[in-house]
């Protein structure tokens, strides 16, 4: 048991990402992928969504979101913008587990990362410090947001 767990009143048996179906976004580029569980939950572990459903029922919450299946939660508009052309008319729960989808901007073109300068740094770019540029600034990616204020990736 970890030091953190020693101080907890309740430890919930959360599953790993290998134990549950979910949508996954890529970091550094704009692809959306759906995955299914590849192993059964270990011991008494449960997906976070199932833990929340059971706790909500125990506390008497009746809202539909607490009764929704994982597939229904994937398909809610808050998870992914259903109008995104990258989905090609699919609901997120229907995305193939064998191929990721490239998400797009409001113009229908694939999202691309640009760079912007961060505050100046003292060290110059070198092989041991590739994120720093000769100008003294570092560079980081940023991405566009849709017209409705939502990003076109989850």
Foldseek 3Di string as FASTA:
>chain_A
DDPVVVPDPDDAQAFDPLAAWDWDADPPAGWIATDGRPDHGDDPHDHPLVVQLVVCVVVPNDDVSSVDDRLVVQQDCVQAPCPFCQCVNDRRSPGDNVDITFTPEPVNHGKDWDKDWDDFADDDADPVRNQHHNVRTGIDTDTDDYPVRHRRHD
